[in-house]
All heavy atoms as atom14 arrays in JSON, in Angstrom:
{
  "sequence": "PNIFHDRYAAGCKQLEAAFGVCPISMKHTFITPKKSTKHPELRAQDLM",
  "atom14_mask": [
    [1, 1, 1, 1, 1, 1, 1, 0, 0, 0, 0, 0, 0, 0],
    [1, 1, 1, 1, 1, 1, 1, 1, 0, 0, 0, 0, 0, 0],
    [1, 1, 1, 1, 1, 1, 1, 1, 0, 0, 0, 0, 0, 0],
    [1, 1, 1, 1, 1, 1, 1, 1, 1, 1, 1, 0, 0, 0],
    [1, 1, 1, 1, 1, 1, 1, 1, 1, 1, 0, 0, 0, 0],
    [1, 1, 1, 1, 1, 1, 1, 1, 0, 0, 0, 0, 0, 0],
    [1, 1, 1, 1, 1, 1, 1, 1, 1, 1, 1, 0, 0, 0],
    [1, 1, 1, 1, 1, 1, 1, 1, 1, 1, 1, 1, 0, 0],
    [1, 1, 1, 1, 1, 0, 0, 0, 0, 0, 0, 0, 0, 0],
    [1, 1, 1, 1, 1, 0, 0, 0, 0, 0, 0, 0, 0, 0],
    [1, 1, 1, 1, 0, 0, 0, 0, 0, 0, 0, 0, 0, 0],
    [1, 1, 1, 1, 1, 1, 0, 0, 0, 0, 0, 0, 0, 0],
    [1, 1, 1, 1, 1, 1, 1, 1, 1, 0, 0, 0, 0, 0],
    [1, 1, 1, 1, 1, 1, 1, 1, 1, 0, 0, 0, 0, 0],
    [1, 1, 1, 1, 1, 1, 1, 1, 0, 0, 0, 0, 0, 0],
    [1, 1, 1, 1, 1, 1, 1, 1, 1, 0, 0, 0, 0, 0],
    [1, 1, 1, 1, 1, 0, 0, 0, 0, 0, 0, 0, 0, 0],
    [1, 1, 1, 1, 1, 0, 0, 0, 0, 0, 0, 0, 0, 0],
    [1, 1, 1, 1, 1, 1, 1, 1, 1, 1, 1, 0, 0, 0],
    [1, 1, 1, 1, 0, 0, 0, 0, 0, 0, 0, 0, 0, 0],
    [1, 1, 1, 1, 1, 1, 1, 0, 0, 0, 0, 0, 0, 0],
    [1, 1, 1, 1, 1, 1, 0, 0, 0, 0, 0, 0, 0, 0],
    [1, 1, 1, 1, 1, 1, 1, 0, 0, 0, 0, 0, 0, 0],
    [1, 1, 1, 1, 1, 1, 1, 1, 0, 0, 0, 0, 0, 0],
    [1, 1, 1, 1, 1, 1, 0, 0, 0, 0, 0, 0, 0, 0],
    [1, 1, 1, 1, 1, 1, 1, 1, 0, 0, 0, 0, 0, 0],
    [1, 1, 1, 1, 1, 1, 1, 1, 1, 0, 0, 0, 0, 0],
    [1, 1, 1, 1, 1, 1, 1, 1, 1, 1, 0, 0, 0, 0],
    [1, 1, 1, 1, 1, 1, 1, 0, 0, 0, 0, 0, 0, 0],
    [1, 1, 1, 1, 1, 1, 1, 1, 1, 1, 1, 0, 0, 0],
    [1, 1, 1, 1, 1, 1, 1, 1, 0, 0, 0, 0, 0, 0],
    [1, 1, 1, 1, 1, 1, 1, 0, 0, 0, 0, 0, 0, 0],
    [1, 1, 1, 1, 1, 1, 1, 0, 0, 0, 0, 0, 0, 0],
    [1, 1, 1, 1, 1, 1, 1, 1, 1, 0, 0, 0, 0, 0],
    [1, 1, 1, 1, 1, 1, 1, 1, 1, 0, 0, 0, 0, 0],
    [1, 1, 1, 1, 1, 1, 0, 0, 0, 0, 0, 0, 0, 0],
    [1, 1, 1, 1, 1, 1, 1, 0, 0, 0, 0, 0, 0, 0],
    [1, 1, 1, 1, 1, 1, 1, 1, 1, 0, 0, 0, 0, 0],
    [1, 1, 1, 1, 1, 1, 1, 1, 1, 1, 0, 0, 0, 0],
    [1, 1, 1, 1, 1, 1, 1, 0, 0, 0, 0, 0, 0, 0],
    [1, 1, 1, 1, 1, 1, 1, 1, 1, 0, 0, 0, 0, 0],
    [1, 1, 1, 1, 1, 1, 1, 1, 0, 0, 0, 0, 0, 0],
    [1, 1, 1, 1, 1, 1, 1, 1, 1, 1, 1, 0, 0, 0],
    [1, 1, 1, 1, 1, 0, 0, 0, 0, 0, 0, 0, 0, 0],
    [1, 1, 1, 1, 1, 1, 1, 1, 1, 0, 0, 0, 0, 0],
    [1, 1, 1, 1, 1, 1, 1, 1, 0, 0, 0, 0, 0, 0],
    [1, 1, 1, 1, 1, 1, 1, 1, 0, 0, 0, 0, 0, 0],
    [1, 1, 1, 1, 1, 1, 1, 1, 0, 0, 0, 0, 0, 0]
  ],
  "atom14_positions": [
    [[0.8, -1.22, 0.0], [0.0, 0.0, 0.0], [0.84, 1.28, 0.0], [0.41, 2.3, -0.52], [-0.83, -0.12, 1.28], [-0.99, -1.59, 1.46], [0.35, -2.15, 1.04], [0.0, 0.0, 0.0], [0.0, 0.0, 0.0], [0.0, 0.0, 0.0], [0.0, 0.0, 0.0], [0.0, 0.0, 0.0], [0.0, 0.0, 0.0], [0.0, 0.0, 0.0]],
    [[2.03, 1.22, 0.57], [2.92, 2.38, 0.56], [3.39, 2.68, -0.85], [3.52, 3.84, -1.23], [4.11, 2.13, 1.49], [5.08, 3.29, 1.51], [5.89, 3.44, 0.6], [4.98, 4.12, 2.53], [0.0, 0.0, 0.0], [0.0, 0.0, 0.0], [0.0, 0.0, 0.0], [0.0, 0.0, 0.0], [0.0, 0.0, 0.0], [0.0, 0.0, 0.0]],
    [[3.65, 1.66, -1.62], [4.17, 1.81, -2.98], [3.04, 2.02, -3.99], [3.15, 2.83, -4.9], [5.01, 0.58, -3.36], [6.21, 0.46, -2.42], [5.48, 0.66, -4.81], [6.93, -0.85, -2.53], [0.0, 0.0, 0.0], [0.0, 0.0, 0.0], [0.0, 0.0, 0.0], [0.0, 0.0, 0.0], [0.0, 0.0, 0.0], [0.0, 0.0, 0.0]],
    [[1.97, 1.27, -3.83], [0.85, 1.3, -4.78], [-0.39, 1.91, -4.12], [-1.44, 1.29, -4.06], [0.55, -0.11, -5.28], [1.74, -0.81, -5.88], [2.37, -1.85, -5.22], [2.24, -0.4, -7.11], [3.46, -2.49, -5.76], [3.33, -1.04, -7.68], [3.95, -2.08, -7.0], [0.0, 0.0, 0.0], [0.0, 0.0, 0.0], [0.0, 0.0, 0.0]],
    [[-0.25, 3.13, -3.63], [-1.32, 3.76, -2.87], [-2.62, 3.86, -3.67], [-3.71, 3.63, -3.14], [-0.88, 5.14, -2.38], [-1.79, 5.7, -1.33], [-2.98, 6.31, -1.63], [-1.69, 5.72, 0.02], [-3.59, 6.69, -0.52], [-2.81, 6.34, 0.5], [0.0, 0.0, 0.0], [0.0, 0.0, 0.0], [0.0, 0.0, 0.0], [0.0, 0.0, 0.0]],
    [[-2.53, 4.21, -4.95], [-3.75, 4.35, -5.76], [-4.48, 3.02, -5.92], [-5.71, 2.97, -5.87], [-3.41, 4.92, -7.14], [-2.97, 6.38, -7.08], [-3.25, 7.04, -6.06], [-2.35, 6.85, -8.04], [0.0, 0.0, 0.0], [0.0, 0.0, 0.0], [0.0, 0.0, 0.0], [0.0, 0.0, 0.0], [0.0, 0.0, 0.0], [0.0, 0.0, 0.0]],
    [[-3.74, 1.95, -6.1], [-4.36, 0.63, -6.23], [-5.0, 0.2, -4.92], [-6.07, -0.4, -4.9], [-3.35, -0.41, -6.68], [-2.95, -0.24, -8.12], [-2.07, -1.35, -8.57], [-1.64, -1.12, -9.94], [-1.0, -1.99, -10.65], [-0.68, -3.16, -10.15], [-0.65, -1.71, -11.89], [0.0, 0.0, 0.0], [0.0, 0.0, 0.0], [0.0, 0.0, 0.0]],
    [[-4.32, 0.51, -3.83], [-4.87, 0.2, -2.51], [-6.19, 0.94, -2.3], [-7.19, 0.36, -1.89], [-3.86, 0.56, -1.41], [-4.4, 0.35, -0.03], [-4.39, -0.92, 0.54], [-4.92, 1.4, 0.72], [-4.9, -1.13, 1.81], [-5.42, 1.2, 1.98], [-5.41, -0.07, 2.53], [-5.92, -0.28, 3.79], [0.0, 0.0, 0.0], [0.0, 0.0, 0.0]],
    [[-6.19, 2.23, -2.61], [-7.4, 3.04, -2.45], [-8.53, 2.52, -3.34], [-9.69, 2.46, -2.9], [-7.1, 4.5, -2.77], [0.0, 0.0, 0.0], [0.0, 0.0, 0.0], [0.0, 0.0, 0.0], [0.0, 0.0, 0.0], [0.0, 0.0, 0.0], [0.0, 0.0, 0.0], [0.0, 0.0, 0.0], [0.0, 0.0, 0.0], [0.0, 0.0, 0.0]],
    [[-8.19, 2.13, -4.56], [-9.21, 1.59, -5.47], [-9.78, 0.28, -4.92], [-10.98, 0.03, -5.02], [-8.61, 1.37, -6.86], [0.0, 0.0, 0.0], [0.0, 0.0, 0.0], [0.0, 0.0, 0.0], [0.0, 0.0, 0.0], [0.0, 0.0, 0.0], [0.0, 0.0, 0.0], [0.0, 0.0, 0.0], [0.0, 0.0, 0.0], [0.0, 0.0, 0.0]],
    [[-8.93, -0.54, -4.34], [-9.4, -1.8, -3.75], [-10.34, -1.56, -2.58], [-11.36, -2.24, -2.44], [0.0, 0.0, 0.0], [0.0, 0.0, 0.0], [0.0, 0.0, 0.0], [0.0, 0.0, 0.0], [0.0, 0.0, 0.0], [0.0, 0.0, 0.0], [0.0, 0.0, 0.0], [0.0, 0.0, 0.0], [0.0, 0.0, 0.0], [0.0, 0.0, 0.0]],
    [[-10.01, -0.58, -1.74], [-10.88, -0.25, -0.61], [-12.24, 0.27, -1.1], [-13.29, -0.1, -0.57], [-10.21, 0.78, 0.3], [-8.85, 0.1, 1.27], [0.0, 0.0, 0.0], [0.0, 0.0, 0.0], [0.0, 0.0, 0.0], [0.0, 0.0, 0.0], [0.0, 0.0, 0.0], [0.0, 0.0, 0.0], [0.0, 0.0, 0.0], [0.0, 0.0, 0.0]],
    [[-12.21, 1.11, -2.14], [-13.47, 1.62, -2.71], [-14.3, 0.48, -3.27], [-15.52, 0.47, -3.15], [-13.18, 2.65, -3.8], [-12.76, 3.99, -3.26], [-12.54, 4.99, -4.38], [-12.03, 6.3, -3.82], [-11.76, 7.29, -4.87], [0.0, 0.0, 0.0], [0.0, 0.0, 0.0], [0.0, 0.0, 0.0], [0.0, 0.0, 0.0], [0.0, 0.0, 0.0]],
    [[-13.64, -0.5, -3.88], [-14.36, -1.64, -4.45], [-14.99, -2.49, -3.33], [-16.11, -2.97, -3.49], [-13.41, -2.5, -5.3], [-14.1, -3.64, -6.0], [-15.15, -3.2, -7.02], [-15.06, -2.12, -7.58], [-16.15, -4.03, -7.23], [0.0, 0.0, 0.0], [0.0, 0.0, 0.0], [0.0, 0.0, 0.0], [0.0, 0.0, 0.0], [0.0, 0.0, 0.0]],
    [[-14.28, -2.66, -2.23], [-14.86, -3.39, -1.09], [-16.12, -2.69, -0.59], [-17.12, -3.34, -0.28], [-13.85, -3.5, 0.05], [-12.74, -4.52, -0.12], [-11.69, -4.36, 0.98], [-13.3, -5.94, -0.1], [0.0, 0.0, 0.0], [0.0, 0.0, 0.0], [0.0, 0.0, 0.0], [0.0, 0.0, 0.0], [0.0, 0.0, 0.0], [0.0, 0.0, 0.0]],
    [[-16.05, -1.37, -0.51], [-17.22, -0.59, -0.07], [-18.37, -0.73, -1.05], [-19.52, -0.97, -0.65], [-16.85, 0.88, 0.08], [-15.92, 1.17, 1.23], [-15.55, 2.64, 1.31], [-16.44, 3.44, 1.7], [-14.4, 2.98, 1.0], [0.0, 0.0, 0.0], [0.0, 0.0, 0.0], [0.0, 0.0, 0.0], [0.0, 0.0, 0.0], [0.0, 0.0, 0.0]],
    [[-18.08, -0.57, -2.33], [-19.14, -0.59, -3.35], [-19.75, -1.98, -3.52], [-20.97, -2.13, -3.62], [-18.57, -0.1, -4.69], [0.0, 0.0, 0.0], [0.0, 0.0, 0.0], [0.0, 0.0, 0.0], [0.0, 0.0, 0.0], [0.0, 0.0, 0.0], [0.0, 0.0, 0.0], [0.0, 0.0, 0.0], [0.0, 0.0, 0.0], [0.0, 0.0, 0.0]],
    [[-18.91, -2.99, -3.57], [-19.4, -4.34, -3.86], [-20.03, -5.03, -2.65], [-20.99, -5.8, -2.8], [-18.25, -5.21, -4.4], [0.0, 0.0, 0.0], [0.0, 0.0, 0.0], [0.0, 0.0, 0.0], [0.0, 0.0, 0.0], [0.0, 0.0, 0.0], [0.0, 0.0, 0.0], [0.0, 0.0, 0.0], [0.0, 0.0, 0.0], [0.0, 0.0, 0.0]],
    [[-19.49, -4.77, -1.45], [-19.94, -5.52, -0.28], [-20.54, -4.64, 0.81], [-21.07, -5.17, 1.8], [-18.78, -6.33, 0.3], [-18.19, -7.3, -0.68], [-16.96, -7.05, -1.27], [-18.87, -8.44, -1.06], [-16.41, -7.92, -2.18], [-18.34, -9.32, -1.97], [-17.11, -9.07, -2.54], [0.0, 0.0, 0.0], [0.0, 0.0, 0.0], [0.0, 0.0, 0.0]],
    [[-20.42, -3.32, 0.68], [-21.01, -2.43, 1.66], [-20.28, -2.4, 3.0], [-20.84, -1.95, 3.99], [0.0, 0.0, 0.0], [0.0, 0.0, 0.0], [0.0, 0.0, 0.0], [0.0, 0.0, 0.0], [0.0, 0.0, 0.0], [0.0, 0.0, 0.0], [0.0, 0.0, 0.0], [0.0, 0.0, 0.0], [0.0, 0.0, 0.0], [0.0, 0.0, 0.0]],
    [[-19.05, -2.89, 3.04], [-18.29, -2.89, 4.27], [-17.45, -1.63, 4.38], [-17.28, -0.89, 3.4], [-17.38, -4.14, 4.38], [-18.22, -5.41, 4.42], [-16.38, -4.2, 3.24], [0.0, 0.0, 0.0], [0.0, 0.0, 0.0], [0.0, 0.0, 0.0], [0.0, 0.0, 0.0], [0.0, 0.0, 0.0], [0.0, 0.0, 0.0], [0.0, 0.0, 0.0]],
    [[-16.93, -1.37, 5.56], [-16.1, -0.19, 5.81], [-14.66, -0.63, 6.06], [-14.31, -1.04, 7.17], [-16.61, 0.56, 7.03], [-18.27, 1.21, 6.83], [0.0, 0.0, 0.0], [0.0, 0.0, 0.0], [0.0, 0.0, 0.0], [0.0, 0.0, 0.0], [0.0, 0.0, 0.0], [0.0, 0.0, 0.0], [0.0, 0.0, 0.0], [0.0, 0.0, 0.0]],
    [[-13.81, -0.59, 5.03], [-12.42, -0.98, 5.24], [-11.67, 0.06, 6.05], [-11.85, 1.27, 5.84], [-11.85, -1.1, 3.83], [-12.81, -0.41, 2.93], [-14.1, -0.26, 3.65], [0.0, 0.0, 0.0], [0.0, 0.0, 0.0], [0.0, 0.0, 0.0], [0.0, 0.0, 0.0], [0.0, 0.0, 0.0], [0.0, 0.0, 0.0], [0.0, 0.0, 0.0]],
    [[-10.87, -0.41, 6.99], [-10.02, 0.48, 7.77], [-8.57, 0.01, 7.61], [-8.3, -1.18, 7.58], [-10.4, 0.54, 9.26], [-10.31, -0.83, 9.91], [-11.78, 1.13, 9.45], [-10.22, -0.79, 11.42], [0.0, 0.0, 0.0], [0.0, 0.0, 0.0], [0.0, 0.0, 0.0], [0.0, 0.0, 0.0], [0.0, 0.0, 0.0], [0.0, 0.0, 0.0]],
    [[-7.68, 0.95, 7.49], [-6.26, 0.64, 7.4], [-5.7, 0.54, 8.8], [-5.95, 1.42, 9.63], [-5.52, 1.73, 6.63], [-6.08, 1.89, 5.35], [0.0, 0.0, 0.0], [0.0, 0.0, 0.0], [0.0, 0.0, 0.0], [0.0, 0.0, 0.0], [0.0, 0.0, 0.0], [0.0, 0.0, 0.0], [0.0, 0.0, 0.0], [0.0, 0.0, 0.0]],
    [[-4.96, -0.49, 9.07], [-4.34, -0.62, 10.37], [-3.15, 0.33, 10.47], [-2.71, 0.89, 9.46], [-3.93, -2.07, 10.64], [-5.11, -3.05, 10.65], [-6.43, -2.6, 11.81], [-5.63, -2.91, 13.38], [0.0, 0.0, 0.0], [0.0, 0.0, 0.0], [0.0, 0.0, 0.0], [0.0, 0.0, 0.0], [0.0, 0.0, 0.0], [0.0, 0.0, 0.0]],
    [[-2.64, 0.52, 11.65], [-1.63, 1.54, 11.94], [-0.41, 1.47, 11.02], [0.12, 2.49, 10.61], [-1.2, 1.42, 13.4], [-0.2, 2.46, 13.83], [0.12, 2.33, 15.31], [1.13, 3.38, 15.73], [1.46, 3.27, 17.15], [0.0, 0.0, 0.0], [0.0, 0.0, 0.0], [0.0, 0.0, 0.0], [0.0, 0.0, 0.0], [0.0, 0.0, 0.0]],
    [[0.05, 0.27, 10.68], [1.29, 0.13, 9.91], [1.05, -0.32, 8.46], [1.98, -0.76, 7.8], [2.22, -0.86, 10.62], [2.54, -0.42, 12.02], [1.94, -0.98, 13.12], [3.36, 0.56, 12.48], [2.39, -0.38, 14.2], [3.25, 0.56, 13.85], [0.0, 0.0, 0.0], [0.0, 0.0, 0.0], [0.0, 0.0, 0.0], [0.0, 0.0, 0.0]],
    [[-0.15, -0.17, 7.97], [-0.45, -0.57, 6.6], [0.41, 0.18, 5.59], [0.8, -0.38, 4.58], [-1.95, -0.34, 6.29], [-2.73, -1.13, 7.21], [-2.3, -0.74, 4.88], [0.0, 0.0, 0.0], [0.0, 0.0, 0.0], [0.0, 0.0, 0.0], [0.0, 0.0, 0.0], [0.0, 0.0, 0.0], [0.0, 0.0, 0.0], [0.0, 0.0, 0.0]],
    [[0.72, 1.43, 5.88], [1.44, 2.27, 4.91], [2.92, 2.49, 5.26], [3.53, 3.41, 4.73], [0.75, 3.62, 4.76], [-0.61, 3.51, 4.15], [-1.74, 3.55, 4.94], [-0.76, 3.33, 2.79], [-3.0, 3.44, 4.39], [-2.01, 3.22, 2.22], [-3.13, 3.26, 3.02], [0.0, 0.0, 0.0], [0.0, 0.0, 0.0], [0.0, 0.0, 0.0]],
    [[3.49, 1.66, 6.12], [4.91, 1.86, 6.43], [5.75, 1.59, 5.19], [5.32, 0.93, 4.26], [5.39, 1.0, 7.62], [5.28, -0.5, 7.32], [4.68, 1.37, 8.88], [5.86, -1.38, 8.42], [0.0, 0.0, 0.0], [0.0, 0.0, 0.0], [0.0, 0.0, 0.0], [0.0, 0.0, 0.0], [0.0, 0.0, 0.0], [0.0, 0.0, 0.0]],
    [[6.95, 2.13, 5.2], [7.84, 1.97, 4.04], [8.34, 0.53, 3.96], [8.4, -0.18, 4.97], [9.05, 2.9, 4.16], [9.82, 2.52, 5.31], [8.62, 4.36, 4.27], [0.0, 0.0, 0.0], [0.0, 0.0, 0.0], [0.0, 0.0, 0.0], [0.0, 0.0, 0.0], [0.0, 0.0, 0.0], [0.0, 0.0, 0.0], [0.0, 0.0, 0.0]],
    [[8.7, 0.08, 2.76], [9.24, -1.27, 2.62], [10.47, -1.5, 3.51], [10.62, -2.57, 4.1], [9.6, -1.36, 1.14], [8.65, -0.42, 0.48], [8.51, 0.72, 1.45], [0.0, 0.0, 0.0], [0.0, 0.0, 0.0], [0.0, 0.0, 0.0], [0.0, 0.0, 0.0], [0.0, 0.0, 0.0], [0.0, 0.0, 0.0], [0.0, 0.0, 0.0]],
    [[11.32, -0.5, 3.64], [12.53, -0.63, 4.46], [12.16, -0.86, 5.93], [12.69, -1.76, 6.59], [13.4, 0.62, 4.32], [14.71, 0.54, 5.06], [15.55, 1.77, 4.78], [16.88, 1.69, 5.51], [17.73, 2.86, 5.24], [0.0, 0.0, 0.0], [0.0, 0.0, 0.0], [0.0, 0.0, 0.0], [0.0, 0.0, 0.0], [0.0, 0.0, 0.0]],
    [[11.23, -0.04, 6.43], [10.8, -0.19, 7.82], [10.06, -1.51, 8.02], [10.22, -2.18, 9.04], [9.92, 0.98, 8.23], [9.59, 1.01, 9.71], [8.89, 2.3, 10.09], [8.61, 2.31, 11.58], [7.94, 3.56, 11.99], [0.0, 0.0, 0.0], [0.0, 0.0, 0.0], [0.0, 0.0, 0.0], [0.0, 0.0, 0.0], [0.0, 0.0, 0.0]],
    [[9.28, -1.9, 7.03], [8.55, -3.16, 7.09], [9.49, -4.34, 7.21], [9.25, -5.28, 7.97], [7.67, -3.29, 5.84], [7.05, -4.54, 5.81], [0.0, 0.0, 0.0], [0.0, 0.0, 0.0], [0.0, 0.0, 0.0], [0.0, 0.0, 0.0], [0.0, 0.0, 0.0], [0.0, 0.0, 0.0], [0.0, 0.0, 0.0], [0.0, 0.0, 0.0]],
    [[10.58, -4.3, 6.45], [11.56, -5.38, 6.47], [12.3, -5.43, 7.81], [12.54, -6.5, 8.36], [12.57, -5.2, 5.31], [11.83, -5.22, 4.09], [13.6, -6.29, 5.3], [0.0, 0.0, 0.0], [0.0, 0.0, 0.0], [0.0, 0.0, 0.0], [0.0, 0.0, 0.0], [0.0, 0.0, 0.0], [0.0, 0.0, 0.0], [0.0, 0.0, 0.0]],
    [[12.66, -4.26, 8.32], [13.44, -4.2, 9.56], [12.6, -4.45, 10.81], [13.15, -4.8, 11.86], [14.13, -2.84, 9.68], [15.28, -2.67, 8.73], [16.03, -1.39, 9.0], [17.25, -1.31, 8.1], [18.1, -0.18, 8.43], [0.0, 0.0, 0.0], [0.0, 0.0, 0.0], [0.0, 0.0, 0.0], [0.0, 0.0, 0.0], [0.0, 0.0, 0.0]],
    [[11.29, -4.25, 10.71], [10.43, -4.37, 11.89], [9.19, -5.24, 11.61], [8.07, -4.74, 11.59], [9.99, -2.98, 12.35], [11.13, -2.11, 12.76], [11.78, -2.26, 13.97], [11.76, -1.11, 12.11], [12.75, -1.38, 14.05], [12.77, -0.66, 12.93], [0.0, 0.0, 0.0], [0.0, 0.0, 0.0], [0.0, 0.0, 0.0], [0.0, 0.0, 0.0]],
    [[9.38, -6.54, 11.43], [8.24, -7.41, 11.18], [7.25, -7.43, 12.35], [6.07, -7.74, 12.16], [8.86, -8.78, 10.95], [10.2, -8.71, 11.59], [10.64, -7.28, 11.48], [0.0, 0.0, 0.0], [0.0, 0.0, 0.0], [0.0, 0.0, 0.0], [0.0, 0.0, 0.0], [0.0, 0.0, 0.0], [0.0, 0.0, 0.0], [0.0, 0.0, 0.0]],
    [[7.72, -7.06, 13.53], [6.82, -7.04, 14.68], [5.71, -6.01, 14.52], [4.63, -6.16, 15.08], [7.6, -6.81, 15.98], [8.15, -5.41, 16.17], [9.49, -5.13, 15.46], [10.0, -5.99, 14.72], [10.0, -4.02, 15.66], [0.0, 0.0, 0.0], [0.0, 0.0, 0.0], [0.0, 0.0, 0.0], [0.0, 0.0, 0.0], [0.0, 0.0, 0.0]],
    [[5.96, -4.97, 13.71], [4.92, -3.97, 13.47], [3.79, -4.56, 12.63], [2.61, -4.3, 12.88], [5.51, -2.74, 12.77], [6.58, -1.98, 13.55], [7.12, -0.83, 12.72], [6.04, -1.49, 14.88], [0.0, 0.0, 0.0], [0.0, 0.0, 0.0], [0.0, 0.0, 0.0], [0.0, 0.0, 0.0], [0.0, 0.0, 0.0], [0.0, 0.0, 0.0]],
    [[4.17, -5.36, 11.64], [3.14, -6.03, 10.81], [2.35, -7.02, 11.66], [1.13, -7.12, 11.54], [3.8, -6.72, 9.63], [4.42, -5.73, 8.65], [5.11, -6.42, 7.5], [6.45, -6.83, 7.93], [7.05, -7.93, 7.53], [6.47, -8.76, 6.71], [8.26, -8.23, 7.95], [0.0, 0.0, 0.0], [0.0, 0.0, 0.0], [0.0, 0.0, 0.0]],
    [[3.05, -7.74, 12.53], [2.38, -8.69, 13.42], [1.45, -7.96, 14.39], [0.35, -8.45, 14.7], [3.41, -9.52, 14.18], [0.0, 0.0, 0.0], [0.0, 0.0, 0.0], [0.0, 0.0, 0.0], [0.0, 0.0, 0.0], [0.0, 0.0, 0.0], [0.0, 0.0, 0.0], [0.0, 0.0, 0.0], [0.0, 0.0, 0.0], [0.0, 0.0, 0.0]],
    [[1.88, -6.8, 14.86], [1.05, -6.03, 15.78], [-0.26, -5.59, 15.13], [-1.31, -5.61, 15.77], [1.8, -4.79, 16.29], [1.07, -4.04, 17.39], [0.86, -4.9, 18.62], [1.79, -5.49, 19.13], [-0.37, -4.99, 19.08], [0.0, 0.0, 0.0], [0.0, 0.0, 0.0], [0.0, 0.0, 0.0], [0.0, 0.0, 0.0], [0.0, 0.0, 0.0]],
    [[-0.21, -5.24, 13.86], [-1.45, -4.89, 13.15], [-2.43, -6.05, 13.15], [-3.63, -5.87, 13.37], [-1.15, -4.47, 11.71], [-0.68, -3.03, 11.59], [-0.71, -2.29, 12.6], [-0.3, -2.64, 10.48], [0.0, 0.0, 0.0], [0.0, 0.0, 0.0], [0.0, 0.0, 0.0], [0.0, 0.0, 0.0], [0.0, 0.0, 0.0], [0.0, 0.0, 0.0]],
    [[-1.93, -7.24, 12.9], [-2.8, -8.42, 12.9], [-3.4, -8.64, 14.28], [-4.61, -8.86, 14.42], [-2.02, -9.65, 12.44], [-2.8, -10.97, 12.45], [-3.98, -10.92, 11.5], [-1.87, -12.13, 12.11], [0.0, 0.0, 0.0], [0.0, 0.0, 0.0], [0.0, 0.0, 0.0], [0.0, 0.0, 0.0], [0.0, 0.0, 0.0], [0.0, 0.0, 0.0]],
    [[-2.58, -8.57, 15.31], [-3.08, -8.78, 16.67], [-4.08, -7.7, 17.06], [-5.1, -8.0, 17.69], [-1.91, -8.84, 17.66], [-0.95, -10.0, 17.4], [-1.77, -11.61, 17.21], [-2.51, -11.81, 18.8], [0.0, 0.0, 0.0], [0.0, 0.0, 0.0], [0.0, 0.0, 0.0], [0.0, 0.0, 0.0], [0.0, 0.0, 0.0], [0.0, 0.0, 0.0]]
  ]
}
């Protein structure tokens, strides 16, 4: 989502339009690839 922000936004809009749900981005959804690689615990924290 950090790299392909427009595609991510389009996907969220499609979820809203097709299924009527409210997608929310978790805290670290948009972290940089470098930070994502160095801190996998942040990605795990989003899941938890």
